[in-house]
Protein backbone atom coordinates (compact mmCIF):
# COMPACT_ATOMS: atom_id res chain seq x y z
CA MET A 1 -78.68 -22.25 60.98
CA PRO A 2 -79.92 -23.12 64.50
CA ASN A 3 -80.22 -20.41 67.09
CA ASN A 4 -78.54 -21.73 70.22
CA ARG A 5 -80.41 -19.24 72.38
CA GLU A 6 -83.54 -21.30 71.69
CA ALA A 7 -82.03 -24.03 73.86
CA ALA A 8 -82.61 -21.87 76.96
CA THR A 9 -86.27 -20.87 76.95
CA ARG A 10 -88.82 -20.45 79.71
CA GLY A 11 -89.94 -23.98 78.85
CA SER A 12 -86.53 -25.55 79.50
CA ALA A 13 -86.06 -27.85 82.49
CA ASP A 14 -83.64 -25.46 84.20
CA ALA A 15 -85.96 -22.48 83.73
CA LYS A 16 -88.98 -24.37 85.06
CA ALA A 17 -87.03 -25.67 88.06
CA TRP A 18 -85.86 -22.13 88.89
CA ALA A 19 -89.40 -20.72 88.65
CA LEU A 20 -90.79 -23.54 90.78
CA GLU A 21 -88.14 -23.06 93.45
CA GLY A 22 -88.81 -19.33 93.65
CA ALA A 23 -92.56 -19.79 93.87
CA ALA A 24 -92.16 -22.54 96.46
CA ARG A 25 -89.88 -20.34 98.56
CA PHE A 26 -92.38 -17.46 98.41
CA GLY A 27 -95.34 -19.69 99.24
CA ARG A 28 -93.51 -21.29 102.15
CA ALA A 29 -92.65 -17.84 103.54
CA VAL A 30 -96.27 -16.69 103.21
CA GLY A 31 -97.52 -19.76 105.05
CA GLU A 32 -94.92 -19.56 107.83
CA THR A 33 -95.49 -15.84 108.37
CA ARG A 34 -99.27 -16.29 108.38
CA ARG A 35 -99.08 -19.07 110.98
CA GLU A 36 -96.62 -17.12 113.13
CA GLN A 37 -99.20 -14.33 113.27
CA GLY A 38 -101.98 -16.76 114.17
CA LEU A 39 -103.94 -16.02 111.00
CA SER A 40 -106.07 -18.45 109.06
CA ALA A 41 -105.98 -18.39 105.27
CA LEU A 42 -109.51 -16.98 105.37
CA GLU A 43 -108.44 -14.15 107.68
CA LEU A 44 -105.47 -13.34 105.44
CA SER A 45 -107.83 -13.32 102.47
CA GLY A 46 -110.00 -10.80 104.30
CA ARG A 47 -107.01 -8.55 104.83
CA THR A 48 -106.18 -8.59 101.12
CA ALA A 49 -109.79 -7.61 100.35
CA ASP A 50 -109.47 -4.71 102.79
CA LEU A 51 -106.40 -3.57 100.84
CA GLY A 52 -108.38 -3.46 97.59
CA TYR A 53 -107.00 -6.59 95.87
CA PRO A 54 -108.89 -9.65 97.14
CA ILE A 55 -106.97 -12.93 97.07
CA THR A 56 -109.23 -15.85 97.86
CA ARG A 57 -108.56 -18.42 100.56
CA SER A 58 -108.17 -21.15 97.94
CA THR A 59 -105.67 -19.05 95.98
CA ILE A 60 -103.64 -18.46 99.15
CA ALA A 61 -103.62 -22.21 99.78
CA ARG A 62 -102.39 -22.85 96.24
CA ILE A 63 -99.67 -20.22 96.60
CA GLU A 64 -98.50 -21.68 99.91
CA GLY A 65 -98.49 -25.19 98.47
CA ASN A 66 -96.84 -24.14 95.19
CA HIS A 67 -99.67 -25.63 93.16
CA ARG A 68 -99.61 -23.03 90.38
CA ALA A 69 -96.75 -24.29 88.19
CA GLY A 70 -94.30 -21.75 89.61
CA LYS A 71 -96.45 -18.71 88.86
CA VAL A 72 -96.93 -15.85 91.32
CA ASP A 73 -98.31 -12.48 90.21
CA PHE A 74 -96.54 -9.25 91.10
CA ALA A 75 -99.79 -7.93 92.60
CA GLU A 76 -100.02 -11.00 94.84
CA VAL A 77 -96.49 -10.46 96.13
CA VAL A 78 -97.18 -6.82 97.00
CA VAL A 79 -100.63 -7.36 98.54
CA LEU A 80 -99.76 -10.47 100.55
CA ALA A 81 -96.71 -8.75 101.99
CA ALA A 82 -98.80 -5.71 102.94
CA ALA A 83 -101.52 -7.92 104.42
CA LEU A 84 -98.91 -9.71 106.54
CA GLY A 85 -97.20 -6.45 107.48
CA VAL A 86 -93.77 -7.46 106.18
CA PRO A 87 -91.55 -6.17 103.35
CA PRO A 88 -92.01 -8.12 100.09
CA ILE A 89 -88.31 -8.95 100.10
CA GLN A 90 -88.84 -10.93 103.32
CA LEU A 91 -91.19 -13.27 101.46
CA ILE A 92 -89.14 -13.47 98.27
CA TYR A 93 -85.81 -14.20 100.00
CA PRO A 94 -86.83 -15.38 103.47
CA ASP A 95 -83.82 -17.43 104.61
CA GLN A 96 -81.54 -14.59 105.64
CA PRO A 97 -78.72 -14.17 106.26
CA ALA A 98 -77.19 -17.61 105.95
CA GLY A 99 -79.62 -19.28 103.54
CA GLU A 100 -78.89 -19.89 99.87
CA VAL A 101 -81.13 -19.31 96.85
CA GLU A 102 -81.01 -19.94 93.13
CA PHE A 103 -80.95 -16.25 92.17
CA LEU A 104 -81.05 -17.08 88.45
CA PRO A 105 -81.23 -20.48 86.74
CA ASN A 106 -78.10 -22.44 87.76
CA ALA A 107 -76.67 -19.50 89.72
CA ARG A 108 -76.85 -19.80 93.51
CA VAL A 109 -75.96 -17.03 95.97
CA THR A 110 -76.68 -16.32 99.61
CA SER A 111 -80.15 -15.05 100.44
CA ILE A 112 -78.76 -11.83 101.84
CA ALA A 113 -76.77 -11.14 98.64
CA ALA A 114 -79.89 -11.76 96.54
CA ALA A 115 -82.00 -9.53 98.76
CA GLU A 116 -79.46 -6.69 98.70
CA HIS A 117 -79.32 -6.78 94.91
CA PHE A 118 -83.11 -7.02 94.57
CA SER A 119 -83.62 -4.04 96.86
CA GLY A 120 -80.96 -1.96 95.11
CA GLU A 121 -78.56 -1.92 98.06
CA ALA A 122 -75.83 -3.74 96.14
CA SER A 123 -74.86 -4.75 92.63
CA LEU A 124 -74.77 -8.36 91.48
CA PRO A 125 -72.49 -10.50 93.66
CA GLY A 126 -69.03 -10.72 92.09
CA GLU A 127 -69.14 -14.49 91.62
CA LEU A 128 -72.56 -14.33 89.96
CA ARG A 129 -71.49 -11.44 87.75
CA ALA A 130 -68.48 -13.45 86.57
CA THR A 131 -70.68 -16.47 85.94
CA LEU A 132 -73.07 -14.44 83.78
CA VAL A 133 -70.17 -13.04 81.76
CA ARG A 134 -68.84 -16.54 81.14
CA MET A 135 -72.26 -17.89 80.17
CA GLN A 136 -72.88 -15.04 77.73
CA ALA A 137 -69.47 -15.55 76.15
CA ALA A 138 -70.12 -19.29 75.87
CA ARG A 139 -73.43 -18.66 74.10
CA ARG A 140 -71.78 -16.30 71.68
CA TYR A 141 -68.96 -18.74 71.02
CA GLU A 142 -71.46 -21.48 70.13
CA GLU A 143 -73.32 -19.11 67.81
CA LEU A 144 -70.10 -18.24 66.02
CA ARG A 145 -69.08 -21.87 65.76
CA SER A 146 -72.46 -22.72 64.25
CA THR A 147 -72.15 -19.83 61.77
CA ILE A 148 -68.70 -20.91 60.63
CA SER A 149 -69.82 -24.54 60.33
CA GLY A 150 -72.74 -23.50 58.13
CA LEU A 151 -70.52 -21.37 55.93
CA ALA A 152 -68.06 -24.24 55.58
CA ARG A 153 -70.88 -26.45 54.29
CA MET A 154 -71.83 -23.76 51.79
CA GLN A 155 -68.22 -23.61 50.63
CA LEU A 156 -68.19 -27.37 50.05
CA LEU A 157 -71.40 -27.07 48.02
CA GLY A 158 -69.96 -24.19 46.01
CA THR A 159 -72.69 -21.78 47.12
CA LEU A 160 -70.51 -19.48 49.22
CA LYS A 161 -70.88 -15.84 48.15
CA PRO A 162 -68.30 -13.05 48.62
CA GLU A 163 -70.37 -11.47 51.38
CA ASP A 164 -70.53 -14.86 53.12
CA GLU A 165 -66.75 -15.04 53.13
CA ALA A 166 -66.71 -11.65 54.86
CA LYS A 167 -69.09 -13.04 57.51
CA ARG A 168 -66.80 -16.02 58.01
CA GLN A 169 -63.77 -13.83 58.54
CA ALA A 170 -65.65 -11.60 60.98
CA ALA A 171 -66.87 -14.64 62.94
CA GLN A 172 -63.36 -16.07 63.13
CA ALA A 173 -62.00 -12.74 64.34
CA GLU A 174 -64.62 -12.56 67.07
CA MET A 175 -63.88 -16.15 68.12
CA GLU A 176 -60.22 -15.21 68.41
CA ARG A 177 -61.15 -12.31 70.70
CA LEU A 178 -63.15 -14.71 72.86
CA ARG A 179 -60.18 -17.08 73.02
CA ARG A 180 -57.91 -14.29 74.20
CA ASP A 181 -60.48 -13.29 76.81
CA VAL A 182 -60.68 -16.85 78.11
CA GLU A 183 -56.89 -17.04 78.27
CA SER A 184 -56.77 -13.84 80.31
CA ARG A 185 -59.43 -15.06 82.75
CA ARG A 186 -58.07 -18.61 82.99
CA GLN A 187 -61.57 -19.83 83.84
CA PRO A 188 -63.68 -22.50 82.13
CA PHE A 189 -66.84 -21.49 80.33
CA TYR A 190 -70.17 -23.08 81.00
CA TRP A 191 -72.34 -25.26 78.76
CA GLY A 192 -69.51 -27.64 77.98
CA VAL A 193 -67.22 -25.04 76.43
CA SER A 194 -63.88 -24.97 78.21
CA ALA A 195 -60.83 -22.83 77.69
CA GLU A 196 -59.16 -25.76 75.96
CA GLN A 197 -62.07 -26.21 73.53
CA MET A 198 -62.07 -22.52 72.70
CA ASN A 199 -58.40 -22.84 71.85
CA GLY A 200 -59.11 -25.69 69.46
CA ASP A 201 -58.05 -28.55 71.72
CA ASP A 202 -61.36 -30.45 71.59
CA ASP A 203 -62.15 -33.69 69.85
CA GLY A 204 -64.89 -32.17 67.68
């Protein structure tokens, strides 16, 4: 049976777009802060060497231009922030307070909310927390639907075992719990699974 979690990997379009946006935001902030301080990329490179973790001028240029396929090392974040004399959070979420960022793939919040969560000053924003709950429930619902579909095929082929029937009943019970949860929230799920579909009102 297919694992629906495989549909959302680090190689997916949404995941790549999120990584690229984050790296681009960081690189832009590094470049803007460096220019505001009147530093050349070579001078900033010298500062990183003085801190014990040299980052070359060409690497700085690639970071600022987001020419590394969305990849920024943790060490680079820490050292570049120290070399520029700013908190790392200022480079990671620079557009505060009114800016907006994609905090997680397909989940946008204000820059200040993202920064407060990242720094430990606040928990996940309520809207984002609710979104994550809905997405996780939708994934689980699809997994259960796939399991039941596979067991139904086995039943048609006459290969269903007693323990498989127990799995089917458990999956149906869990789907029913998800339906009740959706009814109580009165909110649509993501990934094309709505409250109506979870209550059996879809065309499939």
